Amino acid sequence: MRSVLDKWKFEARGGNGCSNSDYRLKRTTCCGSYAVEDTELVELYIDPTDLNKSMDLGYSPNHGESPPRCPFCGANDWDIVEVTDAAEVPEAWRWAMCG
């Protein structure tokens, strides 16, 4: 499935991806906040006005690491689901849309 976001627009505004980065708009299951995931680098961009604000989603439970908490509400039990309908893209992230 194709992302609702444009890779080149996203990187032009400061997304620090790599050549294989794929940016997907996500909504948190706990508080309904929006963020963009770089699925290649497992990075979550949490502020549409400042792409320097991001968090690493990777962790290693085998090394005693705990999963990250929601960057918006602090929930321990959370997940992110992809937004695939362009009509659901919030105004704050519309600058990065395809088309």
Protein backbone atom coordinates (compact mmCIF):
# COMPACT_ATOMS: atom_id res chain seq x y z
CA MET A 1 0.00 0.00 0.00
CA ARG A 2 1.26 3.44 -0.91
CA SER A 3 1.88 6.04 1.78
CA VAL A 4 -0.24 9.20 1.89
CA LEU A 5 3.04 11.10 2.43
CA ASP A 6 5.60 12.20 -0.14
CA LYS A 7 9.15 11.07 0.72
CA TRP A 8 10.80 14.00 -1.07
CA LYS A 9 8.60 16.67 0.53
CA PHE A 10 9.20 15.11 3.94
CA GLU A 11 12.97 15.00 3.54
CA ALA A 12 13.07 18.54 2.10
CA ARG A 13 11.57 19.78 5.41
CA GLY A 14 14.20 17.99 7.48
CA GLY A 15 13.36 14.29 7.59
CA ASN A 16 16.68 12.57 8.20
CA GLY A 17 15.98 9.32 6.44
CA CYS A 18 18.13 7.14 4.25
CA SER A 19 17.70 6.04 0.64
CA ASN A 20 15.34 3.24 1.73
CA SER A 21 13.29 5.34 4.14
CA ASP A 22 9.55 5.07 3.77
CA TYR A 23 7.46 7.56 5.72
CA ARG A 24 4.06 6.52 7.01
CA LEU A 25 1.56 8.72 8.82
CA LYS A 26 0.50 6.97 12.03
CA ARG A 27 -2.07 7.55 14.76
CA THR A 28 -1.51 6.38 18.31
CA THR A 29 -4.00 3.89 19.75
CA CYS A 30 -3.86 5.44 23.23
CA CYS A 31 -4.50 9.14 22.70
CA GLY A 32 -5.15 9.50 18.96
CA SER A 33 -2.12 11.71 18.29
CA TYR A 34 -0.44 11.75 14.89
CA ALA A 35 3.20 11.16 14.01
CA VAL A 36 5.25 9.96 11.05
CA GLU A 37 7.17 6.71 11.17
CA ASP A 38 10.30 6.07 9.12
CA THR A 39 9.74 2.35 8.70
CA GLU A 40 13.32 1.72 7.56
CA LEU A 41 15.06 3.46 10.45
CA VAL A 42 12.33 2.72 13.05
CA GLU A 43 12.15 6.41 13.93
CA LEU A 44 9.01 8.35 14.87
CA TYR A 45 8.70 12.04 14.01
CA ILE A 46 6.40 13.60 16.57
CA ASP A 47 6.22 17.29 15.63
CA PRO A 48 5.07 18.40 12.16
CA THR A 49 6.69 21.83 12.61
CA ASP A 50 10.07 20.54 13.86
CA LEU A 51 11.32 17.26 12.40
CA ASN A 52 14.27 17.34 14.80
CA LYS A 53 11.76 16.14 17.42
CA SER A 54 11.73 12.40 17.00
CA MET A 55 12.14 9.21 18.97
CA ASP A 56 13.67 5.83 18.32
CA LEU A 57 11.04 3.07 18.33
CA GLY A 58 13.61 0.29 18.44
CA TYR A 59 14.38 -1.53 21.66
CA SER A 60 15.77 -4.91 22.65
CA PRO A 61 13.80 -6.80 25.31
CA ASN A 62 16.59 -9.42 25.26
CA HIS A 63 18.90 -6.75 26.70
CA GLY A 64 16.46 -5.69 29.40
CA GLU A 65 15.17 -2.68 27.51
CA SER A 66 11.55 -1.64 27.95
CA PRO A 67 9.40 -0.53 25.04
CA PRO A 68 9.19 3.24 24.62
CA ARG A 69 6.24 5.09 26.14
CA CYS A 70 3.87 7.13 24.01
CA PRO A 71 5.63 10.41 23.28
CA PHE A 72 2.35 12.32 23.58
CA CYS A 73 0.54 10.95 26.64
CA GLY A 74 3.16 8.71 28.25
CA ALA A 75 1.07 5.53 28.05
CA ASN A 76 2.92 2.24 28.47
CA ASP A 77 0.33 0.25 26.54
CA TRP A 78 0.16 1.82 23.09
CA ASP A 79 0.63 1.17 19.41
CA ILE A 80 0.51 3.09 16.15
CA VAL A 81 -1.76 2.40 13.20
CA GLU A 82 -1.27 3.70 9.70
CA VAL A 83 -3.48 6.42 8.25
CA THR A 84 -4.20 5.39 4.66
CA ASP A 85 -7.06 7.75 3.77
CA ALA A 86 -5.90 11.18 2.60
CA ALA A 87 -9.09 12.68 4.04
CA GLU A 88 -7.93 11.64 7.53
CA VAL A 89 -4.59 13.47 7.36
CA PRO A 90 -4.65 16.22 10.00
CA GLU A 91 -3.99 19.79 8.89
CA ALA A 92 -0.62 19.90 10.67
CA TRP A 93 0.79 17.10 8.46
CA ARG A 94 -0.86 18.08 5.14
CA TRP A 95 2.31 19.81 3.92
CA ALA A 96 3.88 16.33 3.51
CA MET A 97 1.07 14.75 1.49
CA CYS A 98 1.47 13.23 -1.95
CA GLY A 99 0.08 15.16 -4.85
